[in-house]
Amino acid sequence: MIAQVTAMASGSVSTGHSAVPQPRLVSSAHEFEAQLMKELLKPLAQSFSANGDDDDSDSAGVLGDYATESLAKALSEQGGLGIATKIIQTLTPTGNTVRQLP
């Protein structure tokens, strides 16, 4: 009995099942990290668009924004800066594992 109480206090008791993070949480965490990374990549995208012609500046700007957003999302889903992983670990009950989006 004392061993069970000690194990419960230390958090080492297993309940037999472990919940995984909710898919919405995983998706939202990666989307948040992607938005942060997009802001970090903005100066890079602006420097590329400054080198082009002025004739197609509107279409190049939209395409550049889409490319930056896609790059940021892909980087986040592959690990990125680790912000999404930390959010998922923090908002998921103890003992759960972090899984990546497919």
N, C-alpha and C. Protein backbone atom coordinates (compact mmCIF):
# COMPACT_ATOMS: atom_id res chain seq x y z
N MET A 1 0.81 -1.18 0.00
CA MET A 1 0.00 0.00 0.00
C MET A 1 0.87 1.26 0.00
N ILE A 2 1.91 1.29 0.83
CA ILE A 2 2.79 2.45 0.88
C ILE A 2 3.52 2.63 -0.45
N ALA A 3 3.91 1.52 -1.09
CA ALA A 3 4.59 1.60 -2.39
C ALA A 3 3.66 2.20 -3.43
N GLN A 4 2.36 1.86 -3.38
CA GLN A 4 1.41 2.42 -4.34
C GLN A 4 1.24 3.91 -4.13
N VAL A 5 1.17 4.36 -2.89
CA VAL A 5 1.02 5.78 -2.61
C VAL A 5 2.27 6.53 -3.06
N THR A 6 3.45 5.97 -2.80
CA THR A 6 4.69 6.59 -3.22
C THR A 6 4.77 6.67 -4.74
N ALA A 7 4.37 5.59 -5.41
CA ALA A 7 4.40 5.58 -6.87
C ALA A 7 3.41 6.60 -7.44
N MET A 8 2.25 6.72 -6.81
CA MET A 8 1.26 7.70 -7.27
C MET A 8 1.78 9.12 -7.07
N ALA A 9 2.45 9.37 -5.96
CA ALA A 9 2.98 10.70 -5.69
C ALA A 9 4.09 11.07 -6.66
N SER A 10 4.86 10.08 -7.06
CA SER A 10 5.96 10.36 -7.99
C SER A 10 5.50 10.39 -9.44
N GLY A 11 4.25 9.97 -9.71
CA GLY A 11 3.71 10.01 -11.06
C GLY A 11 4.13 8.84 -11.92
N SER A 12 4.62 7.77 -11.33
CA SER A 12 5.11 6.65 -12.12
C SER A 12 4.08 5.55 -12.30
N VAL A 13 2.86 5.75 -11.83
CA VAL A 13 1.82 4.75 -11.99
C VAL A 13 1.23 4.87 -13.38
N SER A 14 1.12 3.76 -14.07
CA SER A 14 0.54 3.74 -15.41
C SER A 14 -0.93 3.38 -15.31
N THR A 15 -1.77 4.08 -16.05
CA THR A 15 -3.21 3.81 -16.03
C THR A 15 -3.60 2.76 -17.06
N GLY A 16 -2.67 2.31 -17.86
CA GLY A 16 -2.96 1.29 -18.85
C GLY A 16 -3.28 1.84 -20.22
N HIS A 17 -3.55 3.12 -20.31
CA HIS A 17 -3.80 3.73 -21.62
C HIS A 17 -3.17 5.11 -21.65
N SER A 18 -2.72 5.49 -22.80
CA SER A 18 -2.16 6.84 -22.93
C SER A 18 -2.86 7.54 -24.08
N ALA A 19 -3.37 8.70 -23.79
CA ALA A 19 -4.07 9.48 -24.80
C ALA A 19 -3.05 10.16 -25.70
N VAL A 20 -3.42 10.35 -26.94
CA VAL A 20 -2.57 11.08 -27.87
C VAL A 20 -3.13 12.49 -27.98
N PRO A 21 -2.31 13.44 -28.39
CA PRO A 21 -2.80 14.81 -28.54
C PRO A 21 -3.94 14.86 -29.55
N GLN A 22 -4.87 15.73 -29.31
CA GLN A 22 -6.00 15.88 -30.23
C GLN A 22 -5.50 16.42 -31.57
N PRO A 23 -6.03 15.92 -32.66
CA PRO A 23 -5.59 16.38 -33.98
C PRO A 23 -5.74 17.89 -34.17
N ARG A 24 -6.79 18.47 -33.59
CA ARG A 24 -6.97 19.92 -33.72
C ARG A 24 -5.86 20.68 -33.02
N LEU A 25 -5.41 20.16 -31.88
CA LEU A 25 -4.31 20.80 -31.15
C LEU A 25 -3.03 20.74 -31.97
N VAL A 26 -2.75 19.58 -32.55
CA VAL A 26 -1.54 19.40 -33.36
C VAL A 26 -1.58 20.34 -34.57
N SER A 27 -2.72 20.37 -35.24
CA SER A 27 -2.86 21.23 -36.42
C SER A 27 -2.72 22.71 -36.05
N SER A 28 -3.36 23.11 -34.97
CA SER A 28 -3.31 24.51 -34.55
C SER A 28 -1.90 24.92 -34.12
N ALA A 29 -1.22 24.04 -33.42
CA ALA A 29 0.15 24.34 -32.98
C ALA A 29 1.08 24.52 -34.18
N HIS A 30 0.94 23.65 -35.19
CA HIS A 30 1.79 23.79 -36.38
C HIS A 30 1.41 25.03 -37.18
N GLU A 31 0.14 25.36 -37.22
CA GLU A 31 -0.29 26.57 -37.93
C GLU A 31 0.26 27.82 -37.24
N PHE A 32 0.24 27.83 -35.90
CA PHE A 32 0.80 28.96 -35.15
C PHE A 32 2.29 29.12 -35.44
N GLU A 33 3.02 28.00 -35.37
CA GLU A 33 4.46 28.05 -35.64
C GLU A 33 4.72 28.49 -37.09
N ALA A 34 3.90 28.03 -38.01
CA ALA A 34 4.06 28.41 -39.41
C ALA A 34 3.86 29.92 -39.60
N GLN A 35 2.90 30.50 -38.89
CA GLN A 35 2.67 31.94 -39.00
C GLN A 35 3.87 32.73 -38.46
N LEU A 36 4.45 32.24 -37.36
CA LEU A 36 5.65 32.90 -36.82
C LEU A 36 6.81 32.80 -37.81
N MET A 37 6.98 31.62 -38.39
CA MET A 37 8.07 31.42 -39.35
C MET A 37 7.85 32.25 -40.62
N LYS A 38 6.59 32.40 -41.02
CA LYS A 38 6.28 33.23 -42.19
C LYS A 38 6.72 34.67 -41.96
N GLU A 39 6.48 35.17 -40.75
CA GLU A 39 6.91 36.53 -40.42
C GLU A 39 8.44 36.65 -40.43
N LEU A 40 9.11 35.58 -39.99
CA LEU A 40 10.57 35.59 -40.01
C LEU A 40 11.13 35.53 -41.43
N LEU A 41 10.38 34.90 -42.33
CA LEU A 41 10.83 34.75 -43.72
C LEU A 41 10.45 35.93 -44.60
N LYS A 42 9.61 36.85 -44.11
CA LYS A 42 9.15 37.98 -44.92
C LYS A 42 10.29 38.81 -45.51
N PRO A 43 11.30 39.19 -44.74
CA PRO A 43 12.39 39.98 -45.35
C PRO A 43 13.08 39.26 -46.50
N LEU A 44 13.21 37.96 -46.38
CA LEU A 44 13.82 37.18 -47.46
C LEU A 44 12.95 37.23 -48.72
N ALA A 45 11.65 37.08 -48.56
CA ALA A 45 10.74 37.12 -49.70
C ALA A 45 10.72 38.51 -50.33
N GLN A 46 10.79 39.54 -49.51
CA GLN A 46 10.80 40.91 -50.04
C GLN A 46 12.07 41.20 -50.82
N SER A 47 13.18 40.64 -50.39
CA SER A 47 14.42 40.88 -51.13
C SER A 47 14.38 40.21 -52.49
N PHE A 48 13.73 39.05 -52.61
CA PHE A 48 13.59 38.40 -53.90
C PHE A 48 12.65 39.17 -54.81
N SER A 49 11.56 39.70 -54.28
CA SER A 49 10.60 40.42 -55.11
C SER A 49 11.16 41.77 -55.55
N ALA A 50 12.09 42.34 -54.81
CA ALA A 50 12.69 43.62 -55.18
C ALA A 50 13.58 43.49 -56.41
N ASN A 51 14.05 42.28 -56.70
CA ASN A 51 14.93 42.06 -57.85
C ASN A 51 14.17 41.88 -59.16
N GLY A 52 12.85 41.69 -59.10
CA GLY A 52 12.06 41.43 -60.30
C GLY A 52 11.62 42.70 -61.00
N ASP A 53 10.89 42.52 -62.12
CA ASP A 53 10.35 43.65 -62.88
C ASP A 53 9.11 44.20 -62.18
N ASP A 54 8.79 45.46 -62.46
CA ASP A 54 7.62 46.08 -61.87
C ASP A 54 6.33 45.71 -62.59
N ASP A 55 6.42 45.13 -63.79
CA ASP A 55 5.24 44.80 -64.58
C ASP A 55 4.36 43.77 -63.88
N ASP A 56 4.94 42.77 -63.31
CA ASP A 56 4.19 41.69 -62.69
C ASP A 56 4.31 41.71 -61.17
N SER A 57 4.40 42.90 -60.59
CA SER A 57 4.65 42.99 -59.15
C SER A 57 3.49 42.44 -58.32
N ASP A 58 2.24 42.64 -58.78
CA ASP A 58 1.09 42.14 -58.01
C ASP A 58 1.06 40.62 -58.00
N SER A 59 1.22 40.01 -59.17
CA SER A 59 1.18 38.55 -59.23
C SER A 59 2.39 37.93 -58.55
N ALA A 60 3.54 38.57 -58.67
CA ALA A 60 4.74 38.07 -58.00
C ALA A 60 4.59 38.18 -56.49
N GLY A 61 3.94 39.24 -56.02
CA GLY A 61 3.72 39.41 -54.59
C GLY A 61 2.81 38.34 -54.01
N VAL A 62 1.75 38.02 -54.72
CA VAL A 62 0.82 36.98 -54.28
C VAL A 62 1.51 35.63 -54.32
N LEU A 63 2.23 35.36 -55.38
CA LEU A 63 2.95 34.09 -55.50
C LEU A 63 4.03 33.98 -54.43
N GLY A 64 4.72 35.07 -54.17
CA GLY A 64 5.75 35.07 -53.13
C GLY A 64 5.16 34.84 -51.75
N ASP A 65 4.00 35.44 -51.48
CA ASP A 65 3.32 35.22 -50.19
C ASP A 65 2.92 33.76 -50.04
N TYR A 66 2.38 33.18 -51.12
CA TYR A 66 1.97 31.77 -51.07
C TYR A 66 3.19 30.86 -50.87
N ALA A 67 4.28 31.18 -51.57
CA ALA A 67 5.49 30.37 -51.43
C ALA A 67 6.06 30.46 -50.01
N THR A 68 6.07 31.66 -49.44
CA THR A 68 6.56 31.83 -48.07
C THR A 68 5.69 31.09 -47.08
N GLU A 69 4.37 31.18 -47.26
CA GLU A 69 3.44 30.47 -46.37
C GLU A 69 3.61 28.96 -46.48
N SER A 70 3.75 28.46 -47.69
CA SER A 70 3.93 27.02 -47.89
C SER A 70 5.25 26.53 -47.29
N LEU A 71 6.31 27.30 -47.48
CA LEU A 71 7.61 26.94 -46.91
C LEU A 71 7.54 26.92 -45.39
N ALA A 72 6.92 27.93 -44.80
CA ALA A 72 6.80 28.00 -43.34
C ALA A 72 6.00 26.83 -42.80
N LYS A 73 4.92 26.47 -43.47
CA LYS A 73 4.09 25.34 -43.01
C LYS A 73 4.86 24.03 -43.11
N ALA A 74 5.55 23.83 -44.21
CA ALA A 74 6.33 22.60 -44.40
C ALA A 74 7.45 22.50 -43.37
N LEU A 75 8.13 23.60 -43.10
CA LEU A 75 9.19 23.59 -42.09
C LEU A 75 8.63 23.27 -40.71
N SER A 76 7.49 23.84 -40.38
CA SER A 76 6.88 23.59 -39.07
C SER A 76 6.50 22.13 -38.92
N GLU A 77 5.91 21.55 -39.95
CA GLU A 77 5.48 20.15 -39.88
C GLU A 77 6.66 19.18 -39.80
N GLN A 78 7.84 19.62 -40.23
CA GLN A 78 9.03 18.76 -40.16
C GLN A 78 9.90 19.05 -38.95
N GLY A 79 9.38 19.82 -38.01
CA GLY A 79 10.12 20.09 -36.79
C GLY A 79 10.31 21.57 -36.55
N GLY A 80 10.57 22.31 -37.60
CA GLY A 80 10.70 23.76 -37.50
C GLY A 80 11.60 24.22 -36.38
N LEU A 81 11.12 25.17 -35.62
CA LEU A 81 11.87 25.72 -34.50
C LEU A 81 11.57 24.99 -33.19
N GLY A 82 10.63 24.05 -33.23
CA GLY A 82 10.27 23.30 -32.03
C GLY A 82 9.16 23.95 -31.23
N ILE A 83 8.62 25.05 -31.71
CA ILE A 83 7.57 25.76 -30.99
C ILE A 83 6.30 24.93 -30.93
N ALA A 84 5.91 24.34 -32.07
CA ALA A 84 4.69 23.53 -32.11
C ALA A 84 4.81 22.32 -31.18
N THR A 85 5.96 21.68 -31.19
CA THR A 85 6.17 20.52 -30.33
C THR A 85 6.05 20.91 -28.86
N LYS A 86 6.61 22.04 -28.49
CA LYS A 86 6.53 22.51 -27.10
C LYS A 86 5.10 22.85 -26.72
N ILE A 87 4.34 23.46 -27.61
CA ILE A 87 2.94 23.79 -27.35
C ILE A 87 2.14 22.51 -27.12
N ILE A 88 2.37 21.52 -27.98
CA ILE A 88 1.65 20.25 -27.86
C ILE A 88 2.00 19.56 -26.55
N GLN A 89 3.28 19.54 -26.19
CA GLN A 89 3.69 18.91 -24.94
C GLN A 89 3.09 19.63 -23.74
N THR A 90 3.02 20.94 -23.81
CA THR A 90 2.50 21.72 -22.69
C THR A 90 0.99 21.54 -22.52
N LEU A 91 0.26 21.48 -23.62
CA LEU A 91 -1.20 21.42 -23.55
C LEU A 91 -1.76 20.00 -23.55
N THR A 92 -0.90 19.00 -23.62
CA THR A 92 -1.33 17.61 -23.58
C THR A 92 -1.01 17.06 -22.19
N PRO A 93 -1.93 16.29 -21.60
CA PRO A 93 -1.67 15.74 -20.26
C PRO A 93 -0.36 14.94 -20.21
N THR A 94 0.25 14.90 -19.04
CA THR A 94 1.53 14.23 -18.83
C THR A 94 1.47 12.78 -19.28
N GLY A 95 2.55 12.33 -19.88
CA GLY A 95 2.65 10.94 -20.30
C GLY A 95 2.26 10.72 -21.74
N ASN A 96 1.74 11.74 -22.39
CA ASN A 96 1.36 11.58 -23.79
C ASN A 96 2.53 11.87 -24.68
N THR A 97 2.50 11.31 -25.85
CA THR A 97 3.58 11.51 -26.80
C THR A 97 3.12 12.49 -27.87
N VAL A 98 4.07 13.16 -28.47
CA VAL A 98 3.79 14.10 -29.56
C VAL A 98 3.91 13.36 -30.86
N ARG A 99 2.92 13.50 -31.71
CA ARG A 99 3.00 12.89 -33.02
C ARG A 99 2.95 13.96 -34.08
N GLN A 100 3.58 13.70 -35.19
CA GLN A 100 3.64 14.64 -36.29
C GLN A 100 2.43 14.46 -37.19
N LEU A 101 2.05 15.51 -37.89
CA LEU A 101 0.97 15.40 -38.87
C LEU A 101 1.44 14.55 -40.04
N PRO A 102 0.53 13.79 -40.62
CA PRO A 102 0.92 12.98 -41.77
C PRO A 102 1.28 13.80 -42.98
